[in-house]
Amino acid sequence: MKIYHNNRCSKSRQCLALIPQDGVEIIDYINNPLTKEELTALLAKMEIQSSELIRKGEAIWKENYKGKTMSEEEYIDAMVAHPKLIQRPIVEMEDKALVCRPPELVLDYLK
């Protein structure tokens, strides 16, 4: 199991506290940004469009992207360039992944 974690995010910390720590890989995607390939693979596991993973309340989004028509690839490029735009936390297990907002979603996911 992997958790894509931002320690500055309370929802991400809450989710991390709900899961067993044994065998969990914690990925600090803010300080170690995902590659375009990694993010594309994660989106496929989540079965969502890249636009659904964007945090549209972030200042980076509002200043640089808001109101623009963007392709799937452009959304991915924006998240690779600015990891803060990625919704969090994301929990990945084998062939599935999920944004755990609210954090308690991870409990259903672990069943």
C-alpha atoms as a PDB file:
ATOM      1  CA  MET A   1       0.000   0.000   0.000  1.00  0.00           C
ATOM      2  CA  LYS A   2       1.133   3.542  -0.766  1.00  0.00           C
ATOM      3  CA  ILE A   3      -0.161   6.831   0.538  1.00  0.00           C
ATOM      4  CA  TYR A   4       0.590  10.009  -1.366  1.00  0.00           C
ATOM      5  CA  HIS A   5       0.947  12.319   1.587  1.00  0.00           C
ATOM      6  CA  ASN A   6       1.382  16.011   2.331  1.00  0.00           C
ATOM      7  CA  ASN A   7       2.308  16.440   5.978  1.00  0.00           C
ATOM      8  CA  ARG A   8       1.017  20.028   5.953  1.00  0.00           C
ATOM      9  CA  CYS A   9      -2.494  18.788   5.099  1.00  0.00           C
ATOM     10  CA  SER A  10      -4.715  17.852   8.053  1.00  0.00           C
ATOM     11  CA  LYS A  11      -6.836  15.456   5.930  1.00  0.00           C
ATOM     12  CA  SER A  12      -3.684  13.681   4.795  1.00  0.00           C
ATOM     13  CA  ARG A  13      -2.423  13.354   8.384  1.00  0.00           C
ATOM     14  CA  GLN A  14      -5.839  12.083   9.523  1.00  0.00           C
ATOM     15  CA  CYS A  15      -5.868   9.440   6.792  1.00  0.00           C
ATOM     16  CA  LEU A  16      -2.344   8.308   7.640  1.00  0.00           C
ATOM     17  CA  ALA A  17      -3.376   7.906  11.289  1.00  0.00           C
ATOM     18  CA  LEU A  18      -6.247   5.581  10.252  1.00  0.00           C
ATOM     19  CA  ILE A  19      -4.142   3.034   8.379  1.00  0.00           C
ATOM     20  CA  PRO A  20      -1.790   0.377   9.756  1.00  0.00           C
ATOM     21  CA  GLN A  21       1.805   1.528   9.362  1.00  0.00           C
ATOM     22  CA  ASP A  22       3.256  -1.912   8.588  1.00  0.00           C
ATOM     23  CA  GLY A  23       4.088  -2.203   4.923  1.00  0.00           C
ATOM     24  CA  VAL A  24       2.839   1.291   4.022  1.00  0.00           C
ATOM     25  CA  GLU A  25       5.007   3.319   1.699  1.00  0.00           C
ATOM     26  CA  ILE A  26       4.579   7.026   2.451  1.00  0.00           C
ATOM     27  CA  ILE A  27       5.238   9.167  -0.592  1.00  0.00           C
ATOM     28  CA  ASP A  28       5.900  12.839   0.058  1.00  0.00           C
ATOM     29  CA  TYR A  29       4.801  13.959  -3.379  1.00  0.00           C
ATOM     30  CA  ILE A  30       5.354  17.648  -2.578  1.00  0.00           C
ATOM     31  CA  ASN A  31       9.101  17.260  -2.010  1.00  0.00           C
ATOM     32  CA  ASN A  32       9.440  14.322  -4.423  1.00  0.00           C
ATOM     33  CA  PRO A  33       7.065  15.224  -7.269  1.00  0.00           C
ATOM     34  CA  LEU A  34       5.476  12.528  -9.376  1.00  0.00           C
ATOM     35  CA  THR A  35       6.574  12.162 -12.966  1.00  0.00           C
ATOM     36  CA  LYS A  36       4.075  12.531 -15.761  1.00  0.00           C
ATOM     37  CA  GLU A  37       4.136   8.754 -16.232  1.00  0.00           C
ATOM     38  CA  GLU A  38       3.570   8.056 -12.521  1.00  0.00           C
ATOM     39  CA  LEU A  39       0.678  10.502 -12.332  1.00  0.00           C
ATOM     40  CA  THR A  40      -0.889   9.114 -15.518  1.00  0.00           C
ATOM     41  CA  ALA A  41      -0.681   5.567 -14.123  1.00  0.00           C
ATOM     42  CA  LEU A  42      -2.189   6.703 -10.807  1.00  0.00           C
ATOM     43  CA  LEU A  43      -5.096   8.407 -12.606  1.00  0.00           C
ATOM     44  CA  ALA A  44      -5.767   5.185 -14.520  1.00  0.00           C
ATOM     45  CA  LYS A  45      -5.943   3.270 -11.231  1.00  0.00           C
ATOM     46  CA  MET A  46      -8.339   5.885  -9.862  1.00  0.00           C
ATOM     47  CA  GLU A  47     -10.496   5.736 -13.000  1.00  0.00           C
ATOM     48  CA  ILE A  48     -10.989   9.505 -13.015  1.00  0.00           C
ATOM     49  CA  GLN A  49     -10.211  12.360 -15.375  1.00  0.00           C
ATOM     50  CA  SER A  50      -7.138  14.435 -14.577  1.00  0.00           C
ATOM     51  CA  SER A  51      -9.343  17.508 -14.054  1.00  0.00           C
ATOM     52  CA  GLU A  52     -11.031  15.723 -11.131  1.00  0.00           C
ATOM     53  CA  LEU A  53      -7.718  15.505  -9.255  1.00  0.00           C
ATOM     54  CA  ILE A  54      -7.037  19.255  -9.373  1.00  0.00           C
ATOM     55  CA  ARG A  55      -7.319  21.397  -6.230  1.00  0.00           C
ATOM     56  CA  LYS A  56      -9.023  24.386  -7.831  1.00  0.00           C
ATOM     57  CA  GLY A  57      -8.942  26.452  -4.644  1.00  0.00           C
ATOM     58  CA  GLU A  58      -5.156  26.725  -4.659  1.00  0.00           C
ATOM     59  CA  ALA A  59      -3.627  30.123  -5.465  1.00  0.00           C
ATOM     60  CA  ILE A  60      -1.411  28.500  -8.117  1.00  0.00           C
ATOM     61  CA  TRP A  61      -4.536  27.311  -9.939  1.00  0.00           C
ATOM     62  CA  LYS A  62      -6.344  30.633  -9.691  1.00  0.00           C
ATOM     63  CA  GLU A  63      -3.314  32.637 -10.853  1.00  0.00           C
ATOM     64  CA  ASN A  64      -2.202  30.404 -13.729  1.00  0.00           C
ATOM     65  CA  TYR A  65      -4.999  28.151 -14.967  1.00  0.00           C
ATOM     66  CA  LYS A  66      -8.471  29.256 -13.874  1.00  0.00           C
ATOM     67  CA  GLY A  67     -10.795  29.907 -16.791  1.00  0.00           C
ATOM     68  CA  LYS A  68      -8.542  28.242 -19.357  1.00  0.00           C
ATOM     69  CA  THR A  69      -9.690  25.364 -21.531  1.00  0.00           C
ATOM     70  CA  MET A  70      -7.247  22.537 -20.900  1.00  0.00           C
ATOM     71  CA  SER A  71      -6.684  19.044 -22.260  1.00  0.00           C
ATOM     72  CA  GLU A  72      -6.162  15.987 -20.061  1.00  0.00           C
ATOM     73  CA  GLU A  73      -2.437  16.215 -20.765  1.00  0.00           C
ATOM     74  CA  GLU A  74      -2.323  19.897 -19.804  1.00  0.00           C
ATOM     75  CA  TYR A  75      -3.993  19.153 -16.460  1.00  0.00           C
ATOM     76  CA  ILE A  76      -1.396  16.445 -15.832  1.00  0.00           C
ATOM     77  CA  ASP A  77       1.427  18.801 -16.819  1.00  0.00           C
ATOM     78  CA  ALA A  78       0.066  21.401 -14.364  1.00  0.00           C
ATOM     79  CA  MET A  79       0.029  18.867 -11.508  1.00  0.00           C
ATOM     80  CA  VAL A  80       3.543  17.657 -12.338  1.00  0.00           C
ATOM     81  CA  ALA A  81       4.789  21.258 -12.375  1.00  0.00           C
ATOM     82  CA  HIS A  82       2.831  22.201  -9.230  1.00  0.00           C
ATOM     83  CA  PRO A  83       2.287  19.160  -6.946  1.00  0.00           C
ATOM     84  CA  LYS A  84       0.217  21.279  -4.520  1.00  0.00           C
ATOM     85  CA  LEU A  85      -2.558  21.097  -7.133  1.00  0.00           C
ATOM     86  CA  ILE A  86      -3.022  17.355  -6.529  1.00  0.00           C
ATOM     87  CA  GLN A  87      -5.955  16.343  -4.300  1.00  0.00           C
ATOM     88  CA  ARG A  88      -4.833  14.493  -1.196  1.00  0.00           C
ATOM     89  CA  PRO A  89      -4.439  12.075   0.371  1.00  0.00           C
ATOM     90  CA  ILE A  90      -4.346   9.348  -2.247  1.00  0.00           C
ATOM     91  CA  VAL A  91      -4.157   5.729  -1.146  1.00  0.00           C
ATOM     92  CA  GLU A  92      -2.993   3.158  -3.701  1.00  0.00           C
ATOM     93  CA  MET A  93      -3.271  -0.606  -3.395  1.00  0.00           C
ATOM     94  CA  GLU A  94      -2.228  -2.862  -6.265  1.00  0.00           C
ATOM     95  CA  ASP A  95      -4.469  -1.960  -9.201  1.00  0.00           C
ATOM     96  CA  LYS A  96      -6.683   0.657  -7.497  1.00  0.00           C
ATOM     97  CA  ALA A  97      -6.265   4.090  -5.969  1.00  0.00           C
ATOM     98  CA  LEU A  98      -8.581   6.516  -4.215  1.00  0.00           C
ATOM     99  CA  VAL A  99      -8.595  10.113  -2.995  1.00  0.00           C
ATOM    100  CA  CYS A 100      -9.511   9.671   0.661  1.00  0.00           C
ATOM    101  CA  ARG A 101     -11.591  12.783   1.261  1.00  0.00           C
ATOM    102  CA  PRO A 102     -12.953  12.501   3.823  1.00  0.00           C
ATOM    103  CA  PRO A 103     -10.082  10.498   5.370  1.00  0.00           C
ATOM    104  CA  GLU A 104     -12.493   7.857   6.682  1.00  0.00           C
ATOM    105  CA  LEU A 105     -12.943   6.589   3.117  1.00  0.00           C
ATOM    106  CA  VAL A 106      -9.712   4.711   3.622  1.00  0.00           C
ATOM    107  CA  LEU A 107     -11.467   2.409   6.116  1.00  0.00           C
ATOM    108  CA  ASP A 108     -13.907   1.166   3.444  1.00  0.00           C
ATOM    109  CA  TYR A 109     -11.059   0.918   0.981  1.00  0.00           C
ATOM    110  CA  LEU A 110      -9.070  -1.342   3.341  1.00  0.00           C
ATOM    111  CA  LYS A 111     -11.915  -3.880   3.658  1.00  0.00           C
END
